[in-house]
Amino acid sequence: MNGAIEATNKNIKKILRKMIEKYKQWQEKLLFALLGYRTTVCTSIGATPYMLVYGTKEVITAEVEIPSLRIIQEADLDDTEWVKSRYEQLALIDGKRMNAVCHGQLYQNRMFRAFNKRIKPKQFTSGQLVLKKVFSHQDEAKGKFFSNWKGPYMVHRVLTRGGIILVEMDREVWPKPINSDAVKRYYV
């Protein structure tokens, strides 16, 4: 959920940057940026955030001052007809939300397939020499002037789903497997 909030904040900041110069008076433009964000169709869910919350198409300020056909039609309804139409709209809101969830899942699957098209799995065999990546959170990471790779190691065993077990050059076998994405071939 935190990632969604960060993404929303990032999008609102982008909208604000386009509306203001040199970070002056951003608070005056914030309401317009929020309206723009809430009324723009999100690619990932195929709906506007406003539609998912309220279950109806938003009414912008210009439509109130210069009535659109939709506003005129709603204004001509008497109270009972308006309540009935609003009740029908609210009954459909769960369906609209479910459609947005399905649309979001399909969108994620498309992104997943597009991303994985470019990935070429690394193939290792027992006995190959490899280097292991040193990640910044590990104890071996000693600063920006040290190598990002450690080794060489020898591949002891290849596991399914991209795992491998390494052997140090003194024939000491590592107790834990390592992901094959964290190693690369070492050529002598």
C-alpha atoms as a PDB file:
ATOM      1  CA  MET A   1       0.000   0.000   0.000  1.00  0.00           C
ATOM      2  CA  ASN A   2       2.901   2.335   0.735  1.00  0.00           C
ATOM      3  CA  GLY A   3       4.082   1.990  -2.872  1.00  0.00           C
ATOM      4  CA  ALA A   4       0.683   3.107  -4.176  1.00  0.00           C
ATOM      5  CA  ILE A   5       0.763   6.197  -1.966  1.00  0.00           C
ATOM      6  CA  GLU A   6       4.281   7.043  -3.121  1.00  0.00           C
ATOM      7  CA  ALA A   7       3.246   6.624  -6.759  1.00  0.00           C
ATOM      8  CA  THR A   8       0.230   8.883  -6.227  1.00  0.00           C
ATOM      9  CA  ASN A   9       2.343  11.544  -4.543  1.00  0.00           C
ATOM     10  CA  LYS A  10       4.885  11.347  -7.364  1.00  0.00           C
ATOM     11  CA  ASN A  11       2.160  11.871  -9.976  1.00  0.00           C
ATOM     12  CA  ILE A  12       0.668  14.818  -8.088  1.00  0.00           C
ATOM     13  CA  LYS A  13       4.136  16.380  -7.798  1.00  0.00           C
ATOM     14  CA  LYS A  14       4.580  16.015 -11.581  1.00  0.00           C
ATOM     15  CA  ILE A  15       1.260  17.768 -12.189  1.00  0.00           C
ATOM     16  CA  LEU A  16       2.207  20.573  -9.778  1.00  0.00           C
ATOM     17  CA  ARG A  17       5.616  21.056 -11.437  1.00  0.00           C
ATOM     18  CA  LYS A  18       3.877  21.682 -14.750  1.00  0.00           C
ATOM     19  CA  MET A  19       1.557  24.255 -13.182  1.00  0.00           C
ATOM     20  CA  ILE A  20       3.977  26.379 -11.145  1.00  0.00           C
ATOM     21  CA  GLU A  21       7.320  28.076 -11.570  1.00  0.00           C
ATOM     22  CA  LYS A  22      10.114  27.951  -8.999  1.00  0.00           C
ATOM     23  CA  TYR A  23       7.997  26.280  -6.283  1.00  0.00           C
ATOM     24  CA  LYS A  24       6.072  29.469  -5.538  1.00  0.00           C
ATOM     25  CA  GLN A  25       2.424  29.326  -4.524  1.00  0.00           C
ATOM     26  CA  TRP A  26       2.150  25.567  -4.998  1.00  0.00           C
ATOM     27  CA  GLN A  27      -0.469  25.367  -2.254  1.00  0.00           C
ATOM     28  CA  GLU A  28      -2.838  27.496  -4.356  1.00  0.00           C
ATOM     29  CA  LYS A  29      -2.547  25.088  -7.291  1.00  0.00           C
ATOM     30  CA  LEU A  30      -2.793  21.908  -5.216  1.00  0.00           C
ATOM     31  CA  LEU A  31      -6.601  21.681  -5.449  1.00  0.00           C
ATOM     32  CA  PHE A  32      -6.426  21.872  -9.249  1.00  0.00           C
ATOM     33  CA  ALA A  33      -3.670  19.240  -9.342  1.00  0.00           C
ATOM     34  CA  LEU A  34      -5.736  16.910  -7.150  1.00  0.00           C
ATOM     35  CA  LEU A  35      -8.796  17.427  -9.331  1.00  0.00           C
ATOM     36  CA  GLY A  36      -6.722  16.656 -12.404  1.00  0.00           C
ATOM     37  CA  TYR A  37      -5.295  13.510 -10.842  1.00  0.00           C
ATOM     38  CA  ARG A  38      -8.654  12.243  -9.559  1.00  0.00           C
ATOM     39  CA  THR A  39     -10.410  12.800 -12.888  1.00  0.00           C
ATOM     40  CA  THR A  40      -7.775  11.307 -15.198  1.00  0.00           C
ATOM     41  CA  VAL A  41      -8.147   7.694 -16.288  1.00  0.00           C
ATOM     42  CA  CYS A  42      -5.357   5.533 -14.833  1.00  0.00           C
ATOM     43  CA  THR A  43      -3.863   3.143 -17.376  1.00  0.00           C
ATOM     44  CA  SER A  44      -3.367   0.413 -14.819  1.00  0.00           C
ATOM     45  CA  ILE A  45      -7.001   0.243 -13.671  1.00  0.00           C
ATOM     46  CA  GLY A  46      -8.832   1.652 -16.680  1.00  0.00           C
ATOM     47  CA  ALA A  47     -10.893   4.068 -14.575  1.00  0.00           C
ATOM     48  CA  THR A  48     -10.569   7.346 -12.723  1.00  0.00           C
ATOM     49  CA  PRO A  49      -9.955   7.300  -8.960  1.00  0.00           C
ATOM     50  CA  TYR A  50     -13.108   9.428  -8.615  1.00  0.00           C
ATOM     51  CA  MET A  51     -15.176   6.764 -10.387  1.00  0.00           C
ATOM     52  CA  LEU A  52     -13.917   4.040  -8.060  1.00  0.00           C
ATOM     53  CA  VAL A  53     -14.697   6.032  -4.930  1.00  0.00           C
ATOM     54  CA  TYR A  54     -18.036   7.594  -5.830  1.00  0.00           C
ATOM     55  CA  GLY A  55     -19.296   5.265  -8.557  1.00  0.00           C
ATOM     56  CA  THR A  56     -20.233   8.054 -10.937  1.00  0.00           C
ATOM     57  CA  LYS A  57     -18.581  10.273 -13.494  1.00  0.00           C
ATOM     58  CA  GLU A  58     -17.178  13.439 -11.971  1.00  0.00           C
ATOM     59  CA  VAL A  59     -18.774  16.847 -12.486  1.00  0.00           C
ATOM     60  CA  ILE A  60     -16.183  19.506 -13.159  1.00  0.00           C
ATOM     61  CA  THR A  61     -16.719  23.160 -12.288  1.00  0.00           C
ATOM     62  CA  ALA A  62     -17.193  24.186 -15.919  1.00  0.00           C
ATOM     63  CA  GLU A  63     -20.143  21.774 -16.249  1.00  0.00           C
ATOM     64  CA  VAL A  64     -21.906  23.442 -13.323  1.00  0.00           C
ATOM     65  CA  GLU A  65     -21.480  26.950 -14.738  1.00  0.00           C
ATOM     66  CA  ILE A  66     -22.203  25.938 -18.349  1.00  0.00           C
ATOM     67  CA  PRO A  67     -24.439  22.880 -17.946  1.00  0.00           C
ATOM     68  CA  SER A  68     -23.688  19.851 -20.089  1.00  0.00           C
ATOM     69  CA  LEU A  69     -26.377  17.526 -21.438  1.00  0.00           C
ATOM     70  CA  ARG A  70     -25.797  15.124 -18.544  1.00  0.00           C
ATOM     71  CA  ILE A  71     -26.293  17.887 -15.939  1.00  0.00           C
ATOM     72  CA  ILE A  72     -29.436  19.188 -17.686  1.00  0.00           C
ATOM     73  CA  GLN A  73     -30.929  15.689 -17.781  1.00  0.00           C
ATOM     74  CA  GLU A  74     -30.241  15.167 -14.067  1.00  0.00           C
ATOM     75  CA  ALA A  75     -31.679  18.611 -13.226  1.00  0.00           C
ATOM     76  CA  ASP A  76     -34.953  17.750 -14.989  1.00  0.00           C
ATOM     77  CA  LEU A  77     -35.481  14.651 -12.823  1.00  0.00           C
ATOM     78  CA  ASP A  78     -37.785  14.910  -9.856  1.00  0.00           C
ATOM     79  CA  ASP A  79     -36.528  13.762  -6.456  1.00  0.00           C
ATOM     80  CA  THR A  80     -37.793  10.188  -6.620  1.00  0.00           C
ATOM     81  CA  GLU A  81     -36.406   9.590 -10.111  1.00  0.00           C
ATOM     82  CA  TRP A  82     -33.056  11.115  -9.095  1.00  0.00           C
ATOM     83  CA  VAL A  83     -32.881   8.925  -5.968  1.00  0.00           C
ATOM     84  CA  LYS A  84     -33.758   5.865  -8.061  1.00  0.00           C
ATOM     85  CA  SER A  85     -31.067   6.639 -10.674  1.00  0.00           C
ATOM     86  CA  ARG A  86     -28.515   7.352  -7.946  1.00  0.00           C
ATOM     87  CA  TYR A  87     -29.389   4.067  -6.214  1.00  0.00           C
ATOM     88  CA  GLU A  88     -28.853   2.214  -9.508  1.00  0.00           C
ATOM     89  CA  GLN A  89     -25.489   3.953  -9.919  1.00  0.00           C
ATOM     90  CA  LEU A  90     -24.465   2.924  -6.406  1.00  0.00           C
ATOM     91  CA  ALA A  91     -25.566  -0.664  -7.062  1.00  0.00           C
ATOM     92  CA  LEU A  92     -23.231  -0.749 -10.063  1.00  0.00           C
ATOM     93  CA  ILE A  93     -20.238   0.592  -8.134  1.00  0.00           C
ATOM     94  CA  ASP A  94     -19.115  -2.871  -6.949  1.00  0.00           C
ATOM     95  CA  GLY A  95     -19.152  -4.093 -10.544  1.00  0.00           C
ATOM     96  CA  LYS A  96     -17.107  -1.088 -11.648  1.00  0.00           C
ATOM     97  CA  ARG A  97     -14.589  -1.695  -8.869  1.00  0.00           C
ATOM     98  CA  MET A  98     -14.366  -5.382  -9.789  1.00  0.00           C
ATOM     99  CA  ASN A  99     -13.779  -4.425 -13.431  1.00  0.00           C
ATOM    100  CA  ALA A 100     -10.983  -2.096 -12.292  1.00  0.00           C
ATOM    101  CA  VAL A 101      -9.376  -4.907 -10.265  1.00  0.00           C
ATOM    102  CA  CYS A 102      -9.560  -7.278 -13.244  1.00  0.00           C
ATOM    103  CA  HIS A 103      -8.209  -4.570 -15.550  1.00  0.00           C
ATOM    104  CA  GLY A 104      -5.347  -3.953 -13.104  1.00  0.00           C
ATOM    105  CA  GLN A 105      -4.469  -7.650 -12.993  1.00  0.00           C
ATOM    106  CA  LEU A 106      -4.488  -7.897 -16.791  1.00  0.00           C
ATOM    107  CA  TYR A 107      -2.297  -4.787 -16.968  1.00  0.00           C
ATOM    108  CA  GLN A 108       0.167  -6.284 -14.481  1.00  0.00           C
ATOM    109  CA  ASN A 109       0.295  -9.521 -16.482  1.00  0.00           C
ATOM    110  CA  ARG A 110       1.028  -7.562 -19.676  1.00  0.00           C
ATOM    111  CA  MET A 111       3.807  -5.634 -17.928  1.00  0.00           C
ATOM    112  CA  PHE A 112       5.200  -8.882 -16.477  1.00  0.00           C
ATOM    113  CA  ARG A 113       5.296 -10.537 -19.910  1.00  0.00           C
ATOM    114  CA  ALA A 114       6.845  -7.457 -21.542  1.00  0.00           C
ATOM    115  CA  PHE A 115       9.532  -7.286 -18.865  1.00  0.00           C
ATOM    116  CA  ASN A 116      10.300 -11.002 -18.986  1.00  0.00           C
ATOM    117  CA  LYS A 117      10.649 -10.961 -22.790  1.00  0.00           C
ATOM    118  CA  ARG A 118      13.983  -9.206 -22.413  1.00  0.00           C
ATOM    119  CA  ILE A 119      15.315 -11.472 -19.688  1.00  0.00           C
ATOM    120  CA  LYS A 120      17.602 -14.228 -20.815  1.00  0.00           C
ATOM    121  CA  PRO A 121      18.070 -16.842 -18.094  1.00  0.00           C
ATOM    122  CA  LYS A 122      21.658 -17.626 -17.190  1.00  0.00           C
ATOM    123  CA  GLN A 123      22.618 -21.253 -17.707  1.00  0.00           C
ATOM    124  CA  PHE A 124      25.305 -22.737 -15.483  1.00  0.00           C
ATOM    125  CA  THR A 125      26.799 -26.214 -15.274  1.00  0.00           C
ATOM    126  CA  SER A 126      28.772 -27.919 -12.521  1.00  0.00           C
ATOM    127  CA  GLY A 127      32.446 -27.042 -12.604  1.00  0.00           C
ATOM    128  CA  GLN A 128      32.098 -23.599 -14.212  1.00  0.00           C
ATOM    129  CA  LEU A 129      33.957 -20.678 -12.670  1.00  0.00           C
ATOM    130  CA  VAL A 130      31.795 -17.744 -11.552  1.00  0.00           C
ATOM    131  CA  LEU A 131      32.028 -14.440  -9.702  1.00  0.00           C
ATOM    132  CA  LYS A 132      29.530 -13.542  -6.968  1.00  0.00           C
ATOM    133  CA  LYS A 133      28.017 -10.039  -6.792  1.00  0.00           C
ATOM    134  CA  VAL A 134      28.761  -8.082  -3.616  1.00  0.00           C
ATOM    135  CA  PHE A 135      25.617  -6.225  -2.552  1.00  0.00           C
ATOM    136  CA  SER A 136      25.825  -2.928  -0.683  1.00  0.00           C
ATOM    137  CA  HIS A 137      24.170  -4.329   2.459  1.00  0.00           C
ATOM    138  CA  GLN A 138      26.730  -7.145   2.825  1.00  0.00           C
ATOM    139  CA  ASP A 139      29.807  -7.003   5.036  1.00  0.00           C
ATOM    140  CA  GLU A 140      32.104  -7.439   2.021  1.00  0.00           C
ATOM    141  CA  ALA A 141      30.965  -4.063   0.598  1.00  0.00           C
ATOM    142  CA  LYS A 142      33.680  -1.660   1.665  1.00  0.00           C
ATOM    143  CA  GLY A 143      33.032   1.447  -0.411  1.00  0.00           C
ATOM    144  CA  LYS A 144      32.824   2.692  -3.942  1.00  0.00           C
ATOM    145  CA  PHE A 145      36.459   1.958  -4.838  1.00  0.00           C
ATOM    146  CA  PHE A 146      36.257  -1.771  -4.095  1.00  0.00           C
ATOM    147  CA  SER A 147      35.176  -4.412  -6.548  1.00  0.00           C
ATOM    148  CA  ASN A 148      31.478  -5.251  -6.946  1.00  0.00           C
ATOM    149  CA  TRP A 149      32.330  -8.903  -7.622  1.00  0.00           C
ATOM    150  CA  LYS A 150      33.980 -11.493  -5.406  1.00  0.00           C
ATOM    151  CA  GLY A 151      35.527 -14.769  -6.388  1.00  0.00           C
ATOM    152  CA  PRO A 152      36.207 -16.850  -8.394  1.00  0.00           C
ATOM    153  CA  TYR A 153      34.020 -19.681  -7.179  1.00  0.00           C
ATOM    154  CA  MET A 154      33.110 -22.957  -8.813  1.00  0.00           C
ATOM    155  CA  VAL A 155      29.542 -24.111  -9.432  1.00  0.00           C
ATOM    156  CA  HIS A 156      29.040 -27.233  -7.307  1.00  0.00           C
ATOM    157  CA  ARG A 157      25.414 -27.967  -8.153  1.00  0.00           C
ATOM    158  CA  VAL A 158      22.666 -26.329 -10.228  1.00  0.00           C
ATOM    159  CA  LEU A 159      19.242 -26.288  -8.579  1.00  0.00           C
ATOM    160  CA  THR A 160      15.844 -25.754 -10.142  1.00  0.00           C
ATOM    161  CA  ARG A 161      14.379 -22.265 -10.457  1.00  0.00           C
ATOM    162  CA  GLY A 162      17.737 -20.539 -10.859  1.00  0.00           C
ATOM    163  CA  GLY A 163      19.492 -21.513  -7.646  1.00  0.00           C
ATOM    164  CA  ILE A 164      23.094 -22.717  -7.536  1.00  0.00           C
ATOM    165  CA  ILE A 165      25.411 -24.007  -4.822  1.00  0.00           C
ATOM    166  CA  LEU A 166      28.951 -22.672  -4.939  1.00  0.00           C
ATOM    167  CA  VAL A 167      32.274 -24.149  -3.910  1.00  0.00           C
ATOM    168  CA  GLU A 168      35.210 -22.017  -2.882  1.00  0.00           C
ATOM    169  CA  MET A 169      38.540 -22.717  -4.551  1.00  0.00           C
ATOM    170  CA  ASP A 170      39.741 -24.608  -1.445  1.00  0.00           C
ATOM    171  CA  ARG A 171      36.804 -27.053  -2.034  1.00  0.00           C
ATOM    172  CA  GLU A 172      34.675 -25.725   0.840  1.00  0.00           C
ATOM    173  CA  VAL A 173      31.005 -26.031  -0.186  1.00  0.00           C
ATOM    174  CA  TRP A 174      28.678 -23.162   0.664  1.00  0.00           C
ATOM    175  CA  PRO A 175      25.832 -24.253   2.952  1.00  0.00           C
ATOM    176  CA  LYS A 176      23.194 -22.033   1.316  1.00  0.00           C
ATOM    177  CA  PRO A 177      22.241 -21.800  -2.350  1.00  0.00           C
ATOM    178  CA  ILE A 178      22.555 -18.481  -4.181  1.00  0.00           C
ATOM    179  CA  ASN A 179      20.355 -17.026  -6.906  1.00  0.00           C
ATOM    180  CA  SER A 180      21.906 -17.324 -10.363  1.00  0.00           C
ATOM    181  CA  ASP A 181      21.105 -13.629 -10.975  1.00  0.00           C
ATOM    182  CA  ALA A 182      23.746 -12.753  -8.367  1.00  0.00           C
ATOM    183  CA  VAL A 183      26.586 -14.497 -10.232  1.00  0.00           C
ATOM    184  CA  LYS A 184      28.259 -14.157 -13.611  1.00  0.00           C
ATOM    185  CA  ARG A 185      30.637 -16.346 -15.617  1.00  0.00           C
ATOM    186  CA  TYR A 186      34.336 -15.945 -14.910  1.00  0.00           C
ATOM    187  CA  TYR A 187      36.626 -16.428 -17.886  1.00  0.00           C
ATOM    188  CA  VAL A 188      40.253 -17.258 -17.286  1.00  0.00           C
END
